[in-house]
Protein backbone atom coordinates (compact mmCIF):
# COMPACT_ATOMS: atom_id res chain seq x y z
CA MET A 1 39.96 67.23 295.49
CA ALA A 2 38.28 68.76 292.43
CA ASN A 3 34.90 70.46 292.81
CA ILE A 4 33.29 69.53 289.49
CA GLN A 5 30.22 71.58 288.55
CA ALA A 6 28.11 71.55 285.39
CA ILE A 7 28.36 74.72 283.29
CA THR A 8 24.79 76.08 283.12
CA ARG A 9 23.37 79.45 282.13
CA GLU A 10 21.86 79.77 285.60
CA HIS A 11 25.22 79.69 287.37
CA PHE A 12 27.72 80.94 284.79
CA THR A 13 26.00 83.59 282.64
CA ASP A 14 27.58 86.47 284.57
CA LYS A 15 30.93 84.77 285.18
CA ARG A 16 34.15 84.58 283.21
CA TRP A 17 37.21 82.35 283.27
CA LEU A 18 40.96 82.84 282.96
CA ARG A 19 43.21 80.45 281.11
CA PRO A 20 45.44 78.49 283.55
CA ASN A 21 48.99 79.83 283.66
CA SER A 22 50.63 76.86 285.42
CA TYR A 23 50.42 73.10 285.83
CA HIS A 24 50.37 73.09 289.62
CA PHE A 25 47.08 71.21 289.38
CA ALA A 26 49.00 68.19 288.02
CA ALA A 27 51.94 68.34 290.43
CA GLY A 28 50.74 65.27 292.34
CA ASP A 29 49.96 63.11 289.30
CA THR A 30 52.39 60.23 288.87
CA VAL A 31 50.37 59.06 285.84
CA CYS A 32 47.97 60.66 283.36
CA ARG A 33 45.48 58.84 281.16
CA LEU A 34 46.26 58.97 277.44
CA SER A 35 44.38 58.06 274.29
CA ALA A 36 45.91 55.96 271.53
CA GLN A 37 45.58 58.96 269.21
CA GLU A 38 48.17 60.80 271.34
CA LEU A 39 50.80 58.07 271.30
CA SER A 40 52.70 59.03 268.15
CA LYS A 41 53.69 62.28 269.86
CA ALA A 42 53.53 61.30 273.54
CA ALA A 43 55.79 58.26 273.15
CA MET A 44 58.60 60.49 271.86
CA SER A 45 59.08 62.11 275.25
CA LEU A 46 56.97 60.31 277.89
CA PRO A 47 57.21 56.75 279.25
CA ILE A 48 53.99 54.89 278.34
CA ALA A 49 52.37 52.12 280.35
CA PHE A 50 49.06 50.42 281.03
CA MET A 51 47.20 50.51 284.34
CA SER A 52 44.45 48.24 285.56
CA ASN A 53 41.04 49.85 285.91
CA SER A 54 40.19 47.61 288.88
CA GLY A 55 39.21 49.55 291.96
CA GLN A 56 39.06 52.91 290.16
CA SER A 57 35.26 53.04 290.11
CA SER A 58 32.52 52.08 292.54
CA LYS A 59 30.49 50.53 289.72
CA PRO A 60 31.44 48.55 286.62
CA GLU A 61 31.89 50.65 283.50
CA ASN A 62 31.50 47.78 281.06
CA LYS A 63 30.55 44.13 280.72
CA GLU A 64 34.17 43.01 281.03
CA GLU A 65 34.40 44.49 284.53
CA GLU A 66 31.04 42.98 285.47
CA SER A 67 32.32 39.54 284.52
CA GLY A 68 35.53 40.02 286.46
CA LYS A 69 37.63 40.37 283.30
CA GLU A 70 40.55 42.76 283.66
CA SER A 71 40.48 46.04 281.75
CA TYR A 72 43.25 48.56 281.24
CA SER A 73 43.91 52.21 280.45
CA LEU A 74 46.89 53.80 278.73
CA VAL A 75 48.86 56.24 280.88
CA SER A 76 51.96 58.37 280.78
CA VAL A 77 54.37 57.65 283.64
CA GLN A 78 55.30 60.97 285.27
CA GLY A 79 56.82 59.99 288.59
CA LEU A 80 58.20 57.13 290.64
CA GLU A 81 57.00 58.32 294.05
CA ALA A 82 53.39 58.82 295.10
CA GLY A 83 52.25 62.43 294.83
CA LYS A 84 55.23 63.69 292.82
CA ASN A 85 55.06 64.58 289.12
CA LEU A 86 58.61 64.99 287.85
CA PHE A 87 57.39 66.96 284.83
CA VAL A 88 55.94 69.87 286.85
CA ALA A 89 58.49 72.42 288.03
CA PRO A 90 58.15 74.14 291.42
CA ASP A 91 57.00 77.29 289.60
CA GLY A 92 54.30 75.34 287.73
CA ARG A 93 56.03 75.05 284.35
CA TRP A 94 55.53 71.84 282.34
CA LEU A 95 58.94 70.21 281.80
CA ASN A 96 58.21 68.07 278.78
CA ARG A 97 57.70 68.54 275.06
CA TYR A 98 54.31 66.80 275.07
CA ILE A 99 51.33 67.88 277.19
CA PRO A 100 48.61 65.20 277.64
CA ALA A 101 45.18 66.11 276.28
CA LEU A 102 43.62 65.87 279.74
CA TYR A 103 45.91 68.65 280.94
CA ARG A 104 45.37 70.81 277.87
CA SER A 105 41.62 70.90 278.53
CA TYR A 106 41.88 71.57 282.28
CA PRO A 107 39.84 72.80 284.16
CA PHE A 108 37.07 71.60 281.84
CA PHE A 109 35.68 68.08 281.80
CA LEU A 110 32.93 66.01 280.24
CA VAL A 111 31.00 64.03 282.85
CA ASP A 112 28.54 61.25 282.15
CA THR A 113 24.97 62.00 283.19
CA ASP A 114 22.55 59.52 284.74
CA SER A 115 20.41 59.39 281.62
CA SER A 116 20.26 56.24 279.52
CA ASP A 117 21.14 58.04 276.27
CA GLU A 118 24.84 58.35 277.20
CA ARG A 119 24.81 62.14 277.25
CA GLN A 120 27.67 64.03 278.84
CA ALA A 121 27.65 67.38 280.64
CA LEU A 122 30.31 70.05 280.18
CA CYS A 123 31.75 70.79 283.61
CA ILE A 124 34.47 72.83 285.28
CA ASP A 125 36.51 72.48 288.45
CA GLU A 126 35.23 75.37 290.56
CA ASP A 127 38.27 75.09 292.83
CA SER A 128 40.67 75.61 289.95
CA GLY A 129 40.99 79.33 290.66
CA VAL A 130 40.21 80.36 287.08
CA ILE A 131 36.58 81.47 287.54
CA THR A 132 36.21 85.23 287.87
CA GLU A 133 33.73 88.06 287.50
CA ASP A 134 36.41 90.47 286.29
CA GLU A 135 36.14 91.83 282.77
CA GLU A 136 39.54 90.53 281.66
CA GLY A 137 38.28 86.95 281.79
CA GLU A 138 36.66 85.08 278.89
CA LEU A 139 32.90 84.60 278.79
CA PHE A 140 31.17 81.28 279.37
CA PHE A 141 28.07 82.47 277.49
CA VAL A 142 27.48 85.23 274.95
CA ASP A 143 24.56 87.67 275.03
CA GLU A 144 22.24 85.29 273.18
CA GLY A 145 22.67 82.70 275.91
CA GLU A 146 24.78 80.44 273.69
CA LEU A 147 28.16 79.04 274.65
CA SER A 148 30.97 81.43 273.80
CA PRO A 149 33.27 80.51 270.88
CA GLN A 150 36.08 79.63 273.30
CA ILE A 151 33.86 77.31 275.35
CA THR A 152 32.43 75.79 272.17
CA GLN A 153 35.95 75.02 270.97
CA THR A 154 36.76 73.43 274.33
CA LEU A 155 33.59 71.33 274.14
CA GLN A 156 34.55 70.09 270.68
CA PHE A 157 38.03 69.17 271.91
CA LEU A 158 36.60 67.28 274.89
CA THR A 159 34.03 65.50 272.73
CA GLN A 160 36.76 64.27 270.37
CA SER A 161 38.93 63.27 273.34
CA SER A 162 36.03 61.30 274.81
CA ALA A 163 35.62 59.40 271.53
CA ASN A 164 39.37 58.77 271.46
CA PHE A 165 39.33 57.32 274.97
CA LYS A 166 36.49 54.97 274.02
CA SER A 167 38.35 53.65 270.98
CA THR A 168 41.48 53.32 273.13
CA ALA A 169 39.55 51.23 275.66
CA LYS A 170 38.55 48.90 272.82
CA ALA A 171 42.17 48.60 271.68
CA CYS A 172 43.27 47.80 275.23
CA GLU A 173 40.51 45.19 275.46
CA ILE A 174 41.78 43.48 272.31
CA LEU A 175 45.36 43.49 273.61
CA SER A 176 44.14 41.96 276.86
CA ASN A 177 42.07 39.34 275.03
CA HIS A 178 45.23 38.17 273.26
CA GLN A 179 47.08 38.09 276.59
CA LEU A 180 49.56 40.71 275.45
CA ILE A 181 49.54 42.84 278.61
CA LYS A 182 51.75 41.74 281.48
CA PRO A 183 52.89 43.26 284.80
CA TRP A 184 55.76 45.74 284.45
CA GLU A 185 57.67 45.69 287.71
CA ILE A 186 60.36 48.35 287.72
CA LYS A 187 63.25 47.97 290.17
CA LEU A 188 64.43 51.20 291.76
CA LYS A 189 67.69 51.60 293.62
CA HIS A 190 68.00 54.00 296.55
CA GLN A 191 70.59 54.57 299.23
CA GLU A 192 68.38 52.52 301.51
CA GLY A 193 68.38 49.62 299.07
CA GLU A 194 66.26 48.35 296.18
CA HIS A 195 62.48 48.21 295.91
CA THR A 196 60.05 47.34 293.12
CA LEU A 197 57.54 49.77 291.64
CA LYS A 198 54.32 47.86 291.02
CA GLY A 199 50.97 48.69 289.45
CA LEU A 200 52.17 49.30 285.89
CA PHE A 201 51.72 46.97 282.93
CA CYS A 202 53.47 46.67 279.58
CA ILE A 203 53.26 44.75 276.31
CA ASP A 204 54.55 41.19 276.34
CA GLU A 205 56.83 41.43 273.30
CA ALA A 206 57.42 37.69 273.06
CA ALA A 207 53.67 37.02 273.03
CA LEU A 208 53.18 39.74 270.41
CA ASN A 209 55.82 38.20 268.14
CA ALA A 210 54.17 34.79 268.51
CA LEU A 211 50.77 35.91 267.19
CA ASP A 212 49.51 34.41 263.95
CA GLY A 213 48.46 36.44 260.92
CA ASP A 214 44.74 36.58 261.79
CA ALA A 215 45.45 37.91 265.27
CA LEU A 216 47.89 40.50 263.94
CA LYS A 217 45.31 41.59 261.37
CA GLU A 218 42.74 42.10 264.14
CA LEU A 219 45.22 44.19 266.10
CA GLN A 220 46.08 46.24 263.03
CA ASN A 221 42.47 46.93 262.07
CA SER A 222 41.54 48.06 265.58
CA GLY A 223 44.57 50.28 266.15
CA ALA A 224 45.76 47.98 268.91
CA LEU A 225 48.94 47.05 267.05
CA SER A 226 50.23 50.62 266.84
CA THR A 227 49.31 51.05 270.52
CA ALA A 228 51.40 48.03 271.40
CA VAL A 229 54.36 49.22 269.33
CA CYS A 230 54.28 52.71 270.85
CA GLN A 231 54.26 51.28 274.36
CA LEU A 232 57.24 49.09 273.54
């Protein structure tokens, strides 16, 4: 389990970090959250699905969850068995042309604070093995106490990714409102027999084709239409 800590001058001024050289950290991920902005590239080489957000948080993240209304996230499907990512080789190499944004920013994260102004804190997984006090690592802070250029660039990437995930959540909400997301039960055959992989959702193509012009216009303006097409 990740040990997420805020990056502060007090704790990281004298420390450095090394860029990860493998994707072992993702070896157990059967899915990875994606933003709609990634789909034009991700859909070329990764299966795309929706997953329900129910049960993923101890408190509602939005009014839809408070009211019991289902909400969804976009994900890449990376495995068919729990704890096994088919796109991570035993030596840690990534075996796919597209790398999800969440993996490209690892081990850095933006975490919501408890304040009411929706601020986020830049954090790092202290158990990632990249934090060092050796001189070959990259600085967290420069001499003036400001974030180093590399960390600043990472913060900008994470900030844009956070905005992308928020707009993606809105697109998923619109798709759900039009009842375009349905269960995607995938049947798998093994030597022992056949079983059904559950928990994934997909676009209901028949329902999408039946929408009137006003509904299609709403989907187009919100980016939800391209999201639906990429998933299909």
